[in-house]
C-alpha cells in the first residue's frame, strides 16, 4: 500500500546527523523553535511494531531448530521482501531449509504466528510529529503487510506506507528512501529517517537525510520533543 501525500517545504537550515539520540551543541534552541525537517520516514519493525522475542526464543528452544537464523537468511527472506514470492512461499522455503518434516512445519507455523504489538510511546511521538509534518512508514515487508497493519490498528495511521514488497526494492537500497521522500513531498536532505538497523540509517544519511539509529524510545523522543 502506498498513499501519496503532498506537503509544502520549509527553507533549508543546518542539520545534525543523529545516530545516538543526542543533539549537537548549540542546536537545542533552534531544534525547539522548529522541526529542521519536512517529513519523518520511520521503520516499522523494531521501532513502531514489536515482536515478542521471548516467545520466539521459546519456540526455537522447544523445537531445537535455528528458526531465527534460517527464517531471516537473506537468501530466503530476500525474495519475499522484494515481492517476488508470497509470505506463504517464504514460509515453505524455511520449512524445507529446516528439513521439511512435520516438526519443521509445526515450528515454522508457530514462529510466524508469534504475536506483535504497537509500541504506544513511539506511536504517540509520531502522531505528535504528524501535527507538523507527514510521517511515512518505510519497511522491508512481505505481501501480508496490509493485513498486519490492520490487525494492530495502523491501516490509516501514517500519511504513507512504502513496502519493499510493493515497490520492489528494500532497505538499504537508496531507491526506497527516494520513493519515501517523493511520497512525502520532501527533499531527501529535509527528511528525518528512523530505523533500528544501523546500515539502514547509514544508507539514509548518505542521501543527505538526518538519521536516527533507534534503540529506545528516548532516541526518538530526543529528536521529536
N, C-alpha and C. Protein backbone atom coordinates (compact mmCIF):
# COMPACT_ATOMS: atom_id res chain seq x y z
N UNK A 1 0.85 -1.19 0.00
CA UNK A 1 0.00 0.00 0.00
C UNK A 1 0.88 1.24 0.00
N UNK A 2 0.61 2.16 -0.91
CA UNK A 2 1.31 3.44 -0.93
C UNK A 2 0.27 4.53 -1.09
N UNK A 3 0.28 5.48 -0.20
CA UNK A 3 -0.64 6.61 -0.28
C UNK A 3 0.16 7.87 -0.55
N UNK A 4 -0.22 8.60 -1.59
CA UNK A 4 0.53 9.81 -1.94
C UNK A 4 0.11 10.97 -1.05
N UNK A 5 1.11 11.73 -0.62
CA UNK A 5 0.84 12.92 0.17
C UNK A 5 1.55 14.09 -0.46
N UNK A 6 1.02 15.28 -0.29
CA UNK A 6 1.64 16.49 -0.81
C UNK A 6 1.72 17.52 0.29
N UNK A 7 2.92 17.99 0.58
CA UNK A 7 3.11 18.99 1.63
C UNK A 7 4.04 20.07 1.12
N UNK A 8 4.00 21.22 1.78
CA UNK A 8 4.92 22.30 1.44
C UNK A 8 6.29 22.05 2.03
N UNK A 9 7.27 22.82 1.58
CA UNK A 9 8.63 22.68 2.08
C UNK A 9 9.07 23.96 2.76
N UNK A 10 9.82 23.79 3.83
CA UNK A 10 10.40 24.94 4.50
C UNK A 10 11.79 25.20 3.92
N UNK A 11 12.29 26.38 4.14
CA UNK A 11 13.63 26.68 3.66
C UNK A 11 14.65 25.88 4.45
N UNK A 12 15.70 25.39 3.79
CA UNK A 12 16.69 24.56 4.46
C UNK A 12 17.43 25.31 5.56
N UNK A 13 17.84 24.57 6.57
CA UNK A 13 18.72 25.12 7.58
C UNK A 13 19.71 24.03 7.96
N UNK A 14 20.51 24.26 8.97
CA UNK A 14 21.53 23.30 9.35
C UNK A 14 20.89 22.03 9.87
N UNK A 15 21.50 20.88 9.54
CA UNK A 15 21.03 19.60 10.04
C UNK A 15 22.10 18.99 10.93
N UNK A 16 21.66 18.05 11.74
CA UNK A 16 22.58 17.28 12.58
C UNK A 16 22.34 15.82 12.31
N UNK A 17 23.40 15.07 12.00
CA UNK A 17 23.25 13.64 11.80
C UNK A 17 23.18 12.98 13.17
N UNK A 18 22.11 12.28 13.43
CA UNK A 18 21.85 11.70 14.74
C UNK A 18 21.85 10.19 14.66
N UNK A 19 22.74 9.54 15.40
CA UNK A 19 22.72 8.09 15.45
C UNK A 19 22.73 7.60 16.89
N UNK A 20 22.68 8.52 17.83
CA UNK A 20 22.68 8.10 19.24
C UNK A 20 21.68 8.88 20.07
N UNK A 21 20.76 9.58 19.44
CA UNK A 21 19.72 10.28 20.18
C UNK A 21 20.16 11.56 20.83
N UNK A 22 21.33 12.10 20.46
CA UNK A 22 21.80 13.33 21.06
C UNK A 22 21.82 14.44 20.04
N UNK A 23 21.86 15.67 20.52
CA UNK A 23 21.89 16.84 19.62
C UNK A 23 23.26 17.50 19.70
N UNK A 24 23.64 18.15 18.64
CA UNK A 24 24.92 18.83 18.64
C UNK A 24 24.85 20.08 19.50
N UNK A 25 25.98 20.53 20.06
CA UNK A 25 26.00 21.72 20.90
C UNK A 25 25.46 22.93 20.15
N UNK A 26 24.69 23.74 20.84
CA UNK A 26 24.16 24.96 20.26
C UNK A 26 22.95 24.78 19.36
N UNK A 27 22.55 23.50 19.14
CA UNK A 27 21.45 23.25 18.22
C UNK A 27 20.10 23.16 18.93
N UNK A 28 20.10 22.98 20.26
CA UNK A 28 18.88 22.72 21.00
C UNK A 28 17.83 23.81 20.83
N UNK A 29 18.21 25.06 20.97
CA UNK A 29 17.24 26.14 20.86
C UNK A 29 16.64 26.19 19.47
N UNK A 30 17.47 26.00 18.46
CA UNK A 30 16.99 26.01 17.08
C UNK A 30 16.03 24.86 16.84
N UNK A 31 16.36 23.67 17.40
CA UNK A 31 15.53 22.48 17.24
C UNK A 31 14.15 22.70 17.83
N UNK A 32 14.12 23.33 19.02
CA UNK A 32 12.85 23.56 19.68
C UNK A 32 12.02 24.61 18.96
N UNK A 33 12.68 25.54 18.31
CA UNK A 33 11.96 26.60 17.62
C UNK A 33 11.18 26.06 16.42
N UNK A 34 11.75 25.06 15.73
CA UNK A 34 11.06 24.47 14.58
C UNK A 34 11.68 23.12 14.26
N UNK A 35 10.89 22.26 13.65
CA UNK A 35 11.45 20.98 13.21
C UNK A 35 12.36 21.23 12.01
N UNK A 36 13.60 20.78 12.07
CA UNK A 36 14.53 21.03 10.96
C UNK A 36 14.39 20.00 9.85
N UNK A 37 13.17 19.53 9.63
CA UNK A 37 12.90 18.59 8.56
C UNK A 37 11.45 18.74 8.14
N UNK A 38 11.15 18.26 6.95
CA UNK A 38 9.80 18.39 6.39
C UNK A 38 9.04 17.07 6.37
N UNK A 39 9.66 15.98 6.78
CA UNK A 39 8.98 14.69 6.83
C UNK A 39 9.74 13.75 7.76
N UNK A 40 9.00 12.84 8.39
CA UNK A 40 9.60 11.78 9.19
C UNK A 40 9.38 10.47 8.45
N UNK A 41 10.47 9.80 8.12
CA UNK A 41 10.42 8.49 7.47
C UNK A 41 10.82 7.47 8.53
N UNK A 42 9.93 6.56 8.86
CA UNK A 42 10.16 5.69 10.02
C UNK A 42 10.01 4.21 9.67
N UNK A 43 10.93 3.43 10.17
CA UNK A 43 10.87 1.98 10.07
C UNK A 43 9.66 1.46 10.85
N UNK A 44 9.19 0.28 10.50
CA UNK A 44 8.08 -0.34 11.22
C UNK A 44 8.59 -1.32 12.27
N UNK A 45 9.16 -2.44 11.83
CA UNK A 45 9.57 -3.49 12.77
C UNK A 45 10.79 -3.08 13.58
N UNK A 46 10.68 -3.26 14.87
CA UNK A 46 11.77 -2.89 15.78
C UNK A 46 11.69 -1.45 16.23
N UNK A 47 10.73 -0.70 15.69
CA UNK A 47 10.52 0.69 16.11
C UNK A 47 9.07 0.88 16.51
N UNK A 48 8.17 0.91 15.55
CA UNK A 48 6.75 1.10 15.85
C UNK A 48 6.07 -0.22 16.17
N UNK A 49 6.46 -1.28 15.49
CA UNK A 49 5.91 -2.61 15.77
C UNK A 49 6.95 -3.47 16.45
N UNK A 50 6.52 -4.18 17.50
CA UNK A 50 7.43 -5.03 18.26
C UNK A 50 6.92 -6.46 18.31
N UNK A 51 7.83 -7.41 18.14
CA UNK A 51 7.51 -8.82 18.27
C UNK A 51 7.96 -9.31 19.65
N UNK A 52 7.32 -10.36 20.13
CA UNK A 52 7.69 -10.92 21.43
C UNK A 52 8.86 -11.87 21.23
N UNK A 53 10.07 -11.36 21.46
CA UNK A 53 11.28 -12.16 21.22
C UNK A 53 11.41 -13.30 22.21
N UNK A 54 10.85 -13.17 23.39
CA UNK A 54 10.89 -14.26 24.36
C UNK A 54 10.10 -15.46 23.84
N UNK A 55 8.97 -15.19 23.23
CA UNK A 55 8.16 -16.28 22.65
C UNK A 55 8.91 -16.93 21.49
N UNK A 56 9.55 -16.11 20.65
CA UNK A 56 10.33 -16.66 19.54
C UNK A 56 11.44 -17.56 20.04
N UNK A 57 12.14 -17.14 21.09
CA UNK A 57 13.23 -17.93 21.67
C UNK A 57 12.70 -19.23 22.25
N UNK A 58 11.54 -19.17 22.88
CA UNK A 58 10.96 -20.37 23.48
C UNK A 58 10.60 -21.39 22.41
N UNK A 59 10.09 -20.93 21.29
CA UNK A 59 9.73 -21.85 20.19
C UNK A 59 10.99 -22.50 19.63
N UNK A 60 12.03 -21.70 19.44
CA UNK A 60 13.30 -22.25 18.95
C UNK A 60 13.82 -23.33 19.88
N UNK A 61 13.81 -23.03 21.19
CA UNK A 61 14.34 -23.97 22.17
C UNK A 61 13.51 -25.25 22.22
N UNK A 62 12.20 -25.10 22.15
CA UNK A 62 11.30 -26.26 22.25
C UNK A 62 11.46 -27.20 21.06
N UNK A 63 11.63 -26.64 19.88
CA UNK A 63 11.78 -27.48 18.70
C UNK A 63 13.25 -27.82 18.40
N UNK A 64 14.17 -27.10 19.02
CA UNK A 64 15.59 -27.36 18.77
C UNK A 64 16.00 -27.05 17.35
N UNK A 65 15.39 -25.99 16.76
CA UNK A 65 15.68 -25.62 15.38
C UNK A 65 16.10 -24.15 15.32
N UNK A 66 17.05 -23.83 14.42
CA UNK A 66 17.53 -22.44 14.29
C UNK A 66 16.55 -21.58 13.48
N UNK A 67 15.40 -21.32 14.04
CA UNK A 67 14.34 -20.64 13.31
C UNK A 67 14.70 -19.22 12.90
N UNK A 68 15.23 -18.43 13.83
CA UNK A 68 15.55 -17.03 13.53
C UNK A 68 16.57 -16.94 12.40
N UNK A 69 17.66 -17.69 12.57
CA UNK A 69 18.74 -17.62 11.58
C UNK A 69 18.27 -18.08 10.20
N UNK A 70 17.48 -19.12 10.18
CA UNK A 70 17.02 -19.67 8.91
C UNK A 70 15.96 -18.77 8.27
N UNK A 71 14.98 -18.36 9.06
CA UNK A 71 13.89 -17.57 8.51
C UNK A 71 14.37 -16.26 7.90
N UNK A 72 15.39 -15.66 8.53
CA UNK A 72 15.85 -14.35 8.07
C UNK A 72 17.17 -14.41 7.31
N UNK A 73 17.50 -15.61 6.84
CA UNK A 73 18.62 -15.76 5.90
C UNK A 73 18.26 -14.94 4.65
N UNK A 74 19.13 -14.02 4.24
CA UNK A 74 18.81 -13.18 3.08
C UNK A 74 18.43 -13.96 1.83
N UNK A 75 18.98 -15.15 1.68
CA UNK A 75 18.66 -15.97 0.51
C UNK A 75 17.19 -16.37 0.52
N UNK A 76 16.63 -16.57 1.72
CA UNK A 76 15.24 -16.99 1.84
C UNK A 76 14.28 -15.82 1.95
N UNK A 77 14.61 -14.86 2.82
CA UNK A 77 13.68 -13.74 3.06
C UNK A 77 13.75 -12.69 1.97
N UNK A 78 14.91 -12.58 1.29
CA UNK A 78 15.09 -11.55 0.28
C UNK A 78 14.00 -11.53 -0.79
N UNK A 79 13.72 -12.66 -1.44
CA UNK A 79 12.69 -12.65 -2.48
C UNK A 79 11.31 -12.24 -1.97
N UNK A 80 10.99 -12.58 -0.72
CA UNK A 80 9.69 -12.20 -0.15
C UNK A 80 9.60 -10.71 0.08
N UNK A 81 10.71 -10.11 0.55
CA UNK A 81 10.67 -8.67 0.81
C UNK A 81 10.74 -7.84 -0.47
N UNK A 82 11.08 -8.49 -1.58
CA UNK A 82 11.07 -7.79 -2.87
C UNK A 82 9.79 -8.06 -3.65
N UNK A 83 8.87 -8.80 -3.05
CA UNK A 83 7.60 -9.09 -3.70
C UNK A 83 7.69 -10.14 -4.78
N UNK A 84 8.79 -10.90 -4.81
CA UNK A 84 8.97 -11.92 -5.84
C UNK A 84 8.25 -13.22 -5.49
N UNK A 85 8.07 -13.45 -4.18
CA UNK A 85 7.32 -14.61 -3.71
C UNK A 85 6.41 -14.14 -2.58
N UNK A 86 5.41 -14.92 -2.26
CA UNK A 86 4.48 -14.58 -1.18
C UNK A 86 5.07 -14.97 0.17
N UNK A 87 4.45 -14.48 1.24
CA UNK A 87 4.88 -14.89 2.58
C UNK A 87 4.67 -16.39 2.76
N UNK A 88 3.61 -16.92 2.19
CA UNK A 88 3.36 -18.36 2.28
C UNK A 88 4.48 -19.15 1.62
N UNK A 89 4.93 -18.69 0.47
CA UNK A 89 6.03 -19.37 -0.22
C UNK A 89 7.32 -19.24 0.56
N UNK A 90 7.54 -18.07 1.17
CA UNK A 90 8.73 -17.90 2.02
C UNK A 90 8.70 -18.88 3.18
N UNK A 91 7.55 -18.99 3.85
CA UNK A 91 7.43 -19.91 4.98
C UNK A 91 7.73 -21.34 4.55
N UNK A 92 7.24 -21.72 3.39
CA UNK A 92 7.51 -23.07 2.89
C UNK A 92 9.00 -23.28 2.63
N UNK A 93 9.67 -22.24 2.14
CA UNK A 93 11.12 -22.36 1.90
C UNK A 93 11.88 -22.53 3.21
N UNK A 94 11.38 -21.91 4.27
CA UNK A 94 12.01 -22.07 5.59
C UNK A 94 11.80 -23.50 6.09
N UNK A 95 10.60 -24.03 5.90
CA UNK A 95 10.32 -25.42 6.29
C UNK A 95 11.29 -26.37 5.59
N UNK A 96 11.46 -26.18 4.29
CA UNK A 96 12.35 -27.04 3.52
C UNK A 96 13.79 -26.92 4.03
N UNK A 97 14.22 -25.69 4.30
CA UNK A 97 15.59 -25.46 4.78
C UNK A 97 15.83 -26.11 6.14
N UNK A 98 14.77 -26.27 6.90
CA UNK A 98 14.89 -26.87 8.24
C UNK A 98 14.68 -28.38 8.23
N UNK A 99 14.58 -28.95 7.05
CA UNK A 99 14.48 -30.40 6.96
C UNK A 99 13.23 -30.90 6.28
N UNK A 100 12.19 -30.05 6.23
CA UNK A 100 10.99 -30.42 5.50
C UNK A 100 10.07 -31.41 6.17
N UNK A 101 10.36 -31.80 7.40
CA UNK A 101 9.50 -32.77 8.08
C UNK A 101 8.38 -32.07 8.86
N UNK A 102 7.55 -32.88 9.53
CA UNK A 102 6.41 -32.33 10.24
C UNK A 102 6.84 -31.43 11.39
N UNK A 103 7.95 -31.78 12.04
CA UNK A 103 8.44 -30.94 13.14
C UNK A 103 8.81 -29.56 12.63
N UNK A 104 9.49 -29.49 11.51
CA UNK A 104 9.87 -28.21 10.93
C UNK A 104 8.63 -27.41 10.54
N UNK A 105 7.63 -28.10 9.98
CA UNK A 105 6.41 -27.41 9.54
C UNK A 105 5.66 -26.82 10.74
N UNK A 106 5.56 -27.56 11.82
CA UNK A 106 4.88 -27.07 13.02
C UNK A 106 5.65 -25.90 13.64
N UNK A 107 6.99 -26.02 13.66
CA UNK A 107 7.82 -24.97 14.24
C UNK A 107 7.67 -23.66 13.47
N UNK A 108 7.70 -23.73 12.16
CA UNK A 108 7.58 -22.52 11.33
C UNK A 108 6.19 -21.92 11.49
N UNK A 109 5.18 -22.74 11.54
CA UNK A 109 3.81 -22.24 11.71
C UNK A 109 3.68 -21.47 13.01
N UNK A 110 4.25 -22.00 14.08
CA UNK A 110 4.21 -21.30 15.37
C UNK A 110 5.02 -20.02 15.32
N UNK A 111 6.17 -20.11 14.67
CA UNK A 111 7.08 -18.97 14.63
C UNK A 111 6.46 -17.78 13.91
N UNK A 112 5.85 -18.01 12.78
CA UNK A 112 5.30 -16.88 12.02
C UNK A 112 3.99 -16.38 12.64
N UNK A 113 3.44 -17.15 13.60
CA UNK A 113 2.21 -16.73 14.27
C UNK A 113 2.49 -15.99 15.59
N UNK A 114 3.77 -15.76 15.90
CA UNK A 114 4.11 -15.04 17.13
C UNK A 114 3.44 -13.67 17.11
N UNK A 115 2.77 -13.30 18.19
CA UNK A 115 2.04 -12.03 18.20
C UNK A 115 2.96 -10.81 18.16
N UNK A 116 2.43 -9.73 17.65
CA UNK A 116 3.16 -8.46 17.61
C UNK A 116 2.24 -7.36 18.09
N UNK A 117 2.85 -6.29 18.57
CA UNK A 117 2.09 -5.19 19.15
C UNK A 117 2.66 -3.85 18.68
N UNK A 118 1.89 -2.81 18.91
CA UNK A 118 2.35 -1.45 18.63
C UNK A 118 3.02 -0.90 19.87
N UNK A 119 4.16 -0.24 19.70
CA UNK A 119 4.77 0.49 20.80
C UNK A 119 4.00 1.81 20.91
N UNK A 120 3.18 1.92 21.93
CA UNK A 120 2.30 3.08 22.05
C UNK A 120 3.06 4.38 22.29
N UNK A 121 4.23 4.29 22.93
CA UNK A 121 5.03 5.50 23.14
C UNK A 121 5.56 6.03 21.82
N UNK A 122 6.04 5.11 20.98
CA UNK A 122 6.53 5.51 19.66
C UNK A 122 5.38 6.07 18.83
N UNK A 123 4.25 5.40 18.87
CA UNK A 123 3.08 5.87 18.11
C UNK A 123 2.69 7.28 18.52
N UNK A 124 2.69 7.55 19.83
CA UNK A 124 2.32 8.87 20.32
C UNK A 124 3.30 9.94 19.84
N UNK A 125 4.60 9.61 19.82
CA UNK A 125 5.59 10.57 19.35
C UNK A 125 5.41 10.86 17.86
N UNK A 126 5.15 9.82 17.08
CA UNK A 126 4.95 10.01 15.65
C UNK A 126 3.66 10.78 15.37
N UNK A 127 2.62 10.50 16.15
CA UNK A 127 1.36 11.23 15.98
C UNK A 127 1.55 12.70 16.28
N UNK A 128 2.36 13.00 17.28
CA UNK A 128 2.65 14.40 17.61
C UNK A 128 3.40 15.07 16.46
N UNK A 129 4.36 14.34 15.88
CA UNK A 129 5.11 14.88 14.74
C UNK A 129 4.19 15.15 13.56
N UNK A 130 3.16 14.31 13.41
CA UNK A 130 2.22 14.47 12.29
C UNK A 130 1.44 15.78 12.35
N UNK A 131 1.42 16.41 13.49
CA UNK A 131 0.75 17.70 13.59
C UNK A 131 1.48 18.76 12.78
N UNK A 132 2.76 18.48 12.44
CA UNK A 132 3.57 19.47 11.74
C UNK A 132 4.12 18.98 10.41
N UNK A 133 4.40 17.67 10.32
CA UNK A 133 4.99 17.13 9.10
C UNK A 133 4.38 15.76 8.82
N UNK A 134 4.44 15.28 7.56
CA UNK A 134 3.94 13.94 7.27
C UNK A 134 4.86 12.86 7.84
N UNK A 135 4.27 11.74 8.21
CA UNK A 135 5.02 10.57 8.68
C UNK A 135 4.80 9.45 7.67
N UNK A 136 5.91 8.92 7.16
CA UNK A 136 5.87 7.84 6.17
C UNK A 136 6.55 6.60 6.76
N UNK A 137 5.86 5.48 6.76
CA UNK A 137 6.47 4.23 7.20
C UNK A 137 7.23 3.62 6.03
N UNK A 138 8.47 3.21 6.28
CA UNK A 138 9.33 2.62 5.25
C UNK A 138 9.79 1.27 5.78
N UNK A 139 9.28 0.20 5.18
CA UNK A 139 9.52 -1.10 5.78
C UNK A 139 9.87 -2.18 4.76
N UNK A 140 10.81 -3.04 5.13
CA UNK A 140 11.09 -4.25 4.37
C UNK A 140 10.04 -5.27 4.81
N UNK A 141 9.07 -5.52 3.96
CA UNK A 141 7.92 -6.32 4.34
C UNK A 141 7.57 -7.33 3.26
N UNK A 142 6.61 -8.20 3.59
CA UNK A 142 6.10 -9.17 2.63
C UNK A 142 4.71 -8.74 2.16
N UNK A 143 4.06 -9.62 1.40
CA UNK A 143 2.76 -9.27 0.85
C UNK A 143 1.63 -9.24 1.89
N UNK A 144 1.93 -9.58 3.14
CA UNK A 144 0.90 -9.57 4.18
C UNK A 144 0.91 -8.27 4.99
N UNK A 145 1.66 -7.27 4.56
CA UNK A 145 1.80 -6.06 5.37
C UNK A 145 0.47 -5.39 5.65
N UNK A 146 -0.38 -5.22 4.65
CA UNK A 146 -1.65 -4.54 4.86
C UNK A 146 -2.48 -5.26 5.92
N UNK A 147 -2.50 -6.57 5.84
CA UNK A 147 -3.23 -7.36 6.84
C UNK A 147 -2.67 -7.13 8.23
N UNK A 148 -1.35 -7.12 8.34
CA UNK A 148 -0.72 -6.93 9.65
C UNK A 148 -0.99 -5.54 10.22
N UNK A 149 -0.93 -4.53 9.36
CA UNK A 149 -1.25 -3.17 9.82
C UNK A 149 -2.69 -3.10 10.32
N UNK A 150 -3.57 -3.79 9.65
CA UNK A 150 -4.96 -3.80 10.06
C UNK A 150 -5.16 -4.44 11.41
N UNK A 151 -4.40 -5.49 11.69
CA UNK A 151 -4.52 -6.20 12.97
C UNK A 151 -4.20 -5.30 14.16
N UNK A 152 -3.29 -4.39 13.96
CA UNK A 152 -2.85 -3.55 15.09
C UNK A 152 -3.32 -2.10 14.96
N UNK A 153 -4.29 -1.89 14.10
CA UNK A 153 -4.91 -0.57 14.02
C UNK A 153 -4.06 0.50 13.38
N UNK A 154 -3.16 0.13 12.47
CA UNK A 154 -2.27 1.12 11.85
C UNK A 154 -2.59 1.36 10.38
N UNK A 155 -3.70 0.81 9.88
CA UNK A 155 -4.01 0.94 8.46
C UNK A 155 -4.02 2.40 8.00
N UNK A 156 -4.61 3.27 8.81
CA UNK A 156 -4.73 4.68 8.42
C UNK A 156 -3.87 5.60 9.29
N UNK A 157 -2.88 5.02 9.96
CA UNK A 157 -2.08 5.84 10.87
C UNK A 157 -1.11 6.76 10.13
N UNK A 158 -0.31 6.21 9.25
CA UNK A 158 0.73 7.00 8.58
C UNK A 158 0.15 7.75 7.38
N UNK A 159 0.84 8.81 6.99
CA UNK A 159 0.45 9.56 5.80
C UNK A 159 0.75 8.76 4.54
N UNK A 160 1.72 7.87 4.62
CA UNK A 160 2.04 6.98 3.50
C UNK A 160 2.79 5.78 4.05
N UNK A 161 2.70 4.67 3.32
CA UNK A 161 3.43 3.45 3.68
C UNK A 161 4.19 2.98 2.44
N UNK A 162 5.48 2.78 2.59
CA UNK A 162 6.30 2.26 1.50
C UNK A 162 6.74 0.86 1.90
N UNK A 163 6.18 -0.13 1.23
CA UNK A 163 6.53 -1.53 1.47
C UNK A 163 7.49 -2.00 0.40
N UNK A 164 8.57 -2.64 0.82
CA UNK A 164 9.55 -3.14 -0.15
C UNK A 164 8.92 -4.15 -1.10
N UNK A 165 7.95 -4.93 -0.60
CA UNK A 165 7.31 -5.94 -1.44
C UNK A 165 6.46 -5.32 -2.54
N UNK A 166 6.04 -4.08 -2.32
CA UNK A 166 5.23 -3.38 -3.32
C UNK A 166 6.10 -2.64 -4.33
N UNK A 167 7.15 -1.97 -3.85
CA UNK A 167 7.97 -1.15 -4.75
C UNK A 167 9.13 -1.93 -5.38
N UNK A 168 9.40 -3.15 -4.86
CA UNK A 168 10.42 -3.99 -5.48
C UNK A 168 11.85 -3.65 -5.13
N UNK A 169 12.06 -2.80 -4.14
CA UNK A 169 13.40 -2.51 -3.62
C UNK A 169 13.31 -2.48 -2.10
N UNK A 170 14.39 -2.87 -1.44
CA UNK A 170 14.38 -2.96 0.01
C UNK A 170 15.54 -2.16 0.61
N UNK A 171 15.34 -1.69 1.83
CA UNK A 171 16.44 -1.04 2.54
C UNK A 171 17.59 -2.03 2.66
N UNK A 172 18.83 -1.62 2.45
CA UNK A 172 19.31 -0.25 2.34
C UNK A 172 19.48 0.28 0.90
N UNK A 173 18.77 -0.26 -0.07
CA UNK A 173 18.82 0.27 -1.44
C UNK A 173 18.35 1.72 -1.42
N UNK A 174 19.12 2.62 -2.02
CA UNK A 174 18.80 4.05 -1.93
C UNK A 174 17.46 4.40 -2.59
N UNK A 175 17.00 3.59 -3.53
CA UNK A 175 15.77 3.93 -4.23
C UNK A 175 14.56 3.94 -3.31
N UNK A 176 14.53 3.06 -2.30
CA UNK A 176 13.36 3.02 -1.41
C UNK A 176 13.27 4.30 -0.58
N UNK A 177 14.42 4.88 -0.23
CA UNK A 177 14.43 6.14 0.51
C UNK A 177 13.94 7.28 -0.40
N UNK A 178 14.36 7.23 -1.64
CA UNK A 178 13.93 8.26 -2.59
C UNK A 178 12.42 8.20 -2.81
N UNK A 179 11.89 6.99 -2.92
CA UNK A 179 10.44 6.83 -3.08
C UNK A 179 9.70 7.41 -1.89
N UNK A 180 10.20 7.12 -0.68
CA UNK A 180 9.55 7.63 0.54
C UNK A 180 9.57 9.15 0.58
N UNK A 181 10.71 9.74 0.23
CA UNK A 181 10.81 11.20 0.23
C UNK A 181 9.88 11.81 -0.80
N UNK A 182 9.80 11.18 -1.96
CA UNK A 182 8.90 11.67 -3.01
C UNK A 182 7.45 11.65 -2.55
N UNK A 183 7.05 10.57 -1.88
CA UNK A 183 5.68 10.47 -1.38
C UNK A 183 5.39 11.53 -0.32
N UNK A 184 6.40 11.86 0.46
CA UNK A 184 6.23 12.88 1.50
C UNK A 184 6.27 14.29 0.93
N UNK A 185 6.71 14.43 -0.31
CA UNK A 185 6.84 15.75 -0.91
C UNK A 185 8.00 16.54 -0.33
N UNK A 186 9.03 15.83 0.11
CA UNK A 186 10.17 16.49 0.76
C UNK A 186 11.48 16.08 0.08
N UNK A 187 12.41 17.01 0.03
CA UNK A 187 13.74 16.69 -0.48
C UNK A 187 14.43 15.77 0.53
N UNK A 188 15.29 14.85 0.07
CA UNK A 188 15.96 13.94 0.99
C UNK A 188 16.66 14.64 2.16
N UNK A 189 17.31 15.77 1.87
CA UNK A 189 18.03 16.49 2.93
C UNK A 189 17.10 17.16 3.93
N UNK A 190 15.80 17.12 3.67
CA UNK A 190 14.81 17.67 4.60
C UNK A 190 14.01 16.58 5.28
N UNK A 191 14.51 15.32 5.21
CA UNK A 191 13.83 14.18 5.83
C UNK A 191 14.58 13.68 7.06
N UNK A 192 13.83 13.29 8.07
CA UNK A 192 14.36 12.58 9.23
C UNK A 192 14.05 11.10 9.02
N UNK A 193 15.07 10.25 9.12
CA UNK A 193 14.88 8.81 8.93
C UNK A 193 15.21 8.08 10.21
N UNK A 194 14.31 7.17 10.61
CA UNK A 194 14.46 6.43 11.87
C UNK A 194 14.43 4.94 11.60
N UNK A 195 15.42 4.20 12.11
CA UNK A 195 15.47 2.75 11.89
C UNK A 195 16.29 2.11 13.00
N UNK A 196 15.98 0.86 13.31
CA UNK A 196 16.74 0.16 14.36
C UNK A 196 17.97 -0.55 13.81
N UNK A 197 18.14 -0.55 12.50
CA UNK A 197 19.31 -1.17 11.89
C UNK A 197 20.25 -0.07 11.39
N UNK A 198 21.48 -0.10 11.89
CA UNK A 198 22.43 0.96 11.59
C UNK A 198 22.72 1.08 10.10
N UNK A 199 22.82 -0.06 9.41
CA UNK A 199 23.12 0.01 7.97
C UNK A 199 22.04 0.74 7.20
N UNK A 200 20.80 0.64 7.67
CA UNK A 200 19.71 1.35 7.00
C UNK A 200 19.78 2.85 7.27
N UNK A 201 20.20 3.20 8.48
CA UNK A 201 20.37 4.61 8.83
C UNK A 201 21.52 5.21 8.02
N UNK A 202 22.60 4.48 7.91
CA UNK A 202 23.76 4.98 7.17
C UNK A 202 23.42 5.18 5.69
N UNK A 203 22.59 4.32 5.14
CA UNK A 203 22.17 4.49 3.74
C UNK A 203 21.35 5.76 3.58
N UNK A 204 20.51 6.05 4.57
CA UNK A 204 19.71 7.27 4.52
C UNK A 204 20.57 8.52 4.62
N UNK A 205 21.52 8.50 5.53
CA UNK A 205 22.36 9.68 5.70
C UNK A 205 23.26 9.92 4.50
N UNK A 206 23.57 8.85 3.76
CA UNK A 206 24.39 9.02 2.56
C UNK A 206 23.64 9.80 1.49
N UNK A 207 22.30 9.86 1.60
CA UNK A 207 21.48 10.65 0.68
C UNK A 207 21.23 12.06 1.20
N UNK A 208 21.79 12.36 2.37
CA UNK A 208 21.62 13.69 2.94
C UNK A 208 20.53 13.77 4.00
N UNK A 209 19.89 12.63 4.30
CA UNK A 209 18.86 12.64 5.32
C UNK A 209 19.47 12.72 6.72
N UNK A 210 18.68 13.20 7.68
CA UNK A 210 19.08 13.15 9.07
C UNK A 210 18.69 11.78 9.60
N UNK A 211 19.63 11.07 10.19
CA UNK A 211 19.37 9.69 10.60
C UNK A 211 19.36 9.50 12.10
N UNK A 212 18.40 8.70 12.58
CA UNK A 212 18.34 8.31 13.98
C UNK A 212 18.44 6.79 14.07
N UNK A 213 19.50 6.32 14.71
CA UNK A 213 19.62 4.88 14.95
C UNK A 213 18.80 4.56 16.20
N UNK A 214 17.65 3.95 16.01
CA UNK A 214 16.70 3.72 17.10
C UNK A 214 17.08 2.49 17.93
N UNK A 215 17.18 2.71 19.25
CA UNK A 215 17.37 1.59 20.18
C UNK A 215 16.36 1.64 21.31
N UNK A 216 16.01 2.85 21.75
CA UNK A 216 14.99 3.02 22.78
C UNK A 216 14.11 4.20 22.39
N UNK A 217 12.98 4.30 23.06
CA UNK A 217 12.06 5.42 22.81
C UNK A 217 12.77 6.75 23.01
N UNK A 218 13.72 6.78 23.95
CA UNK A 218 14.44 8.02 24.23
C UNK A 218 15.16 8.55 22.99
N UNK A 219 15.63 7.65 22.12
CA UNK A 219 16.31 8.09 20.90
C UNK A 219 15.37 8.88 20.01
N UNK A 220 14.13 8.44 19.93
CA UNK A 220 13.15 9.13 19.09
C UNK A 220 12.66 10.41 19.78
N UNK A 221 12.42 10.31 21.08
CA UNK A 221 11.95 11.49 21.81
C UNK A 221 12.97 12.63 21.73
N UNK A 222 14.26 12.29 21.69
CA UNK A 222 15.30 13.30 21.66
C UNK A 222 15.21 14.19 20.43
N UNK A 223 14.63 13.67 19.34
CA UNK A 223 14.56 14.47 18.12
C UNK A 223 13.16 15.00 17.82
N UNK A 224 12.17 14.45 18.49
CA UNK A 224 10.80 14.87 18.19
C UNK A 224 10.15 15.73 19.27
N UNK A 225 10.75 15.79 20.45
CA UNK A 225 10.17 16.58 21.53
C UNK A 225 10.96 17.88 21.69
